[in-house]
Amino acid sequence: MAIVKSKLLRQIYQNYPNFLKKDLKKFTEIIIGEIKRSLKRGDRVELRGFGIFFTNIQKARISRNPKTGEKVHTPEKKTIHFKMAKDLFNKLNNEKE
């Protein structure tokens, strides 16, 4: 099951009831916005203990429409990749640190 932003905010609020919901929402928006802006600039984003987000450039190519077999030009585009931190990997796989 995926976690959505509203559920994440609800969990944060339950753990930190001293903060106002609107402040937690603004804080979350700022963090996500900064990650987006950094990736758009081509910078890498490292969250210690969680992982690294980085972009790769996928070259322009000629691909095929699988339905018709027609050749289609696919332009160059950026893709986002994620590499998890060793700590997170160990926690997910129940390995001792």
C-alpha atoms as a PDB file:
ATOM      1  CA  MET A   1       0.000   0.000   0.000  1.00  0.00           C
ATOM      2  CA  ALA A   2       1.381   3.379  -0.984  1.00  0.00           C
ATOM      3  CA  ILE A   3       1.447   6.294   1.399  1.00  0.00           C
ATOM      4  CA  VAL A   4      -0.098   9.551   0.244  1.00  0.00           C
ATOM      5  CA  LYS A   5       0.809  13.007   1.491  1.00  0.00           C
ATOM      6  CA  SER A   6      -2.380  13.407   3.549  1.00  0.00           C
ATOM      7  CA  LYS A   7      -1.751  10.121   5.364  1.00  0.00           C
ATOM      8  CA  LEU A   8       1.868  11.105   5.985  1.00  0.00           C
ATOM      9  CA  LEU A   9       0.747  14.435   7.442  1.00  0.00           C
ATOM     10  CA  ARG A  10      -1.771  12.647   9.667  1.00  0.00           C
ATOM     11  CA  GLN A  11       0.941  10.331  11.023  1.00  0.00           C
ATOM     12  CA  ILE A  12       3.333  13.220  11.656  1.00  0.00           C
ATOM     13  CA  TYR A  13       0.589  15.134  13.468  1.00  0.00           C
ATOM     14  CA  GLN A  14      -0.175  12.104  15.664  1.00  0.00           C
ATOM     15  CA  ASN A  15       3.504  11.841  16.619  1.00  0.00           C
ATOM     16  CA  TYR A  16       3.924  15.613  17.150  1.00  0.00           C
ATOM     17  CA  PRO A  17       0.591  17.023  18.376  1.00  0.00           C
ATOM     18  CA  ASN A  18       2.314  20.209  19.649  1.00  0.00           C
ATOM     19  CA  PHE A  19       2.663  21.496  16.070  1.00  0.00           C
ATOM     20  CA  LEU A  20      -0.229  23.008  14.173  1.00  0.00           C
ATOM     21  CA  LYS A  21      -1.489  21.013  11.186  1.00  0.00           C
ATOM     22  CA  LYS A  22      -1.040  23.989   8.857  1.00  0.00           C
ATOM     23  CA  ASP A  23       2.613  24.343   9.946  1.00  0.00           C
ATOM     24  CA  LEU A  24       3.285  20.640   9.331  1.00  0.00           C
ATOM     25  CA  LYS A  25       1.639  20.902   5.917  1.00  0.00           C
ATOM     26  CA  LYS A  26       3.730  23.962   5.012  1.00  0.00           C
ATOM     27  CA  PHE A  27       6.905  22.239   6.240  1.00  0.00           C
ATOM     28  CA  THR A  28       6.164  19.160   4.121  1.00  0.00           C
ATOM     29  CA  GLU A  29       5.402  21.328   1.054  1.00  0.00           C
ATOM     30  CA  ILE A  30       8.709  23.180   1.476  1.00  0.00           C
ATOM     31  CA  ILE A  31      10.717  19.934   1.680  1.00  0.00           C
ATOM     32  CA  ILE A  32       9.015  18.348  -1.340  1.00  0.00           C
ATOM     33  CA  GLY A  33       9.296  21.601  -3.290  1.00  0.00           C
ATOM     34  CA  GLU A  34      13.034  21.880  -2.605  1.00  0.00           C
ATOM     35  CA  ILE A  35      13.578  18.273  -3.700  1.00  0.00           C
ATOM     36  CA  LYS A  36      11.692  18.978  -6.945  1.00  0.00           C
ATOM     37  CA  ARG A  37      13.639  22.186  -7.646  1.00  0.00           C
ATOM     38  CA  SER A  38      16.994  20.519  -6.985  1.00  0.00           C
ATOM     39  CA  LEU A  39      16.192  17.615  -9.301  1.00  0.00           C
ATOM     40  CA  LYS A  40      14.987  20.007 -11.992  1.00  0.00           C
ATOM     41  CA  ARG A  41      18.343  21.841 -11.810  1.00  0.00           C
ATOM     42  CA  GLY A  42      20.113  18.502 -12.201  1.00  0.00           C
ATOM     43  CA  ASP A  43      21.425  18.398  -8.628  1.00  0.00           C
ATOM     44  CA  ARG A  44      21.371  15.238  -6.578  1.00  0.00           C
ATOM     45  CA  VAL A  45      19.397  15.109  -3.328  1.00  0.00           C
ATOM     46  CA  GLU A  46      20.818  13.099  -0.450  1.00  0.00           C
ATOM     47  CA  LEU A  47      18.757  12.328   2.650  1.00  0.00           C
ATOM     48  CA  ARG A  48      21.142  10.655   5.108  1.00  0.00           C
ATOM     49  CA  GLY A  49      19.862   7.301   6.309  1.00  0.00           C
ATOM     50  CA  PHE A  50      17.152   7.256   3.626  1.00  0.00           C
ATOM     51  CA  GLY A  51      18.716   7.491   0.188  1.00  0.00           C
ATOM     52  CA  ILE A  52      19.752   9.548  -2.821  1.00  0.00           C
ATOM     53  CA  PHE A  53      17.566  10.966  -5.600  1.00  0.00           C
ATOM     54  CA  PHE A  54      19.310  11.837  -8.853  1.00  0.00           C
ATOM     55  CA  THR A  55      18.435  12.440 -12.492  1.00  0.00           C
ATOM     56  CA  ASN A  56      19.680  10.743 -15.645  1.00  0.00           C
ATOM     57  CA  ILE A  57      19.181  11.977 -19.177  1.00  0.00           C
ATOM     58  CA  GLN A  58      17.569   9.467 -21.496  1.00  0.00           C
ATOM     59  CA  LYS A  59      18.804  10.143 -25.033  1.00  0.00           C
ATOM     60  CA  ALA A  60      16.444  10.852 -27.911  1.00  0.00           C
ATOM     61  CA  ARG A  61      15.676   7.731 -29.920  1.00  0.00           C
ATOM     62  CA  ILE A  62      13.465   6.164 -32.534  1.00  0.00           C
ATOM     63  CA  SER A  63      10.951   3.809 -30.934  1.00  0.00           C
ATOM     64  CA  ARG A  64       7.939   1.870 -32.184  1.00  0.00           C
ATOM     65  CA  ASN A  65       4.271   2.149 -31.463  1.00  0.00           C
ATOM     66  CA  PRO A  66       3.514  -1.445 -30.361  1.00  0.00           C
ATOM     67  CA  LYS A  67      -0.060  -1.282 -31.631  1.00  0.00           C
ATOM     68  CA  THR A  68       0.694  -0.153 -35.182  1.00  0.00           C
ATOM     69  CA  GLY A  69       4.416  -0.908 -35.536  1.00  0.00           C
ATOM     70  CA  GLU A  70       4.910   2.673 -36.740  1.00  0.00           C
ATOM     71  CA  LYS A  71       8.254   4.346 -35.938  1.00  0.00           C
ATOM     72  CA  VAL A  72       7.953   7.235 -33.485  1.00  0.00           C
ATOM     73  CA  HIS A  73      10.558   9.820 -32.479  1.00  0.00           C
ATOM     74  CA  THR A  74      10.981   9.898 -28.688  1.00  0.00           C
ATOM     75  CA  PRO A  75      12.655  13.139 -27.521  1.00  0.00           C
ATOM     76  CA  GLU A  76      15.409  13.391 -24.902  1.00  0.00           C
ATOM     77  CA  LYS A  77      14.060  13.434 -21.350  1.00  0.00           C
ATOM     78  CA  LYS A  78      15.167  13.380 -17.729  1.00  0.00           C
ATOM     79  CA  THR A  79      14.346  10.438 -15.468  1.00  0.00           C
ATOM     80  CA  ILE A  80      14.530  10.278 -11.678  1.00  0.00           C
ATOM     81  CA  HIS A  81      16.373   7.462  -9.964  1.00  0.00           C
ATOM     82  CA  PHE A  82      16.559   6.524  -6.293  1.00  0.00           C
ATOM     83  CA  LYS A  83      19.286   4.618  -4.491  1.00  0.00           C
ATOM     84  CA  MET A  84      18.450   3.646  -0.951  1.00  0.00           C
ATOM     85  CA  ALA A  85      20.880   4.117   1.911  1.00  0.00           C
ATOM     86  CA  LYS A  86      22.564   1.136   3.505  1.00  0.00           C
ATOM     87  CA  ASP A  87      20.745   1.829   6.808  1.00  0.00           C
ATOM     88  CA  LEU A  88      17.354   1.690   5.106  1.00  0.00           C
ATOM     89  CA  PHE A  89      18.344  -1.452   3.193  1.00  0.00           C
ATOM     90  CA  ASN A  90      19.324  -3.176   6.450  1.00  0.00           C
ATOM     91  CA  LYS A  91      16.072  -2.145   8.168  1.00  0.00           C
ATOM     92  CA  LEU A  92      13.965  -3.378   5.253  1.00  0.00           C
ATOM     93  CA  ASN A  93      15.779  -6.717   5.185  1.00  0.00           C
ATOM     94  CA  ASN A  94      15.901  -7.152   8.980  1.00  0.00           C
ATOM     95  CA  GLU A  95      19.681  -7.376   8.953  1.00  0.00           C
ATOM     96  CA  LYS A  96      21.626  -6.365  12.013  1.00  0.00           C
ATOM     97  CA  GLU A  97      23.494  -3.100  11.682  1.00  0.00           C
END
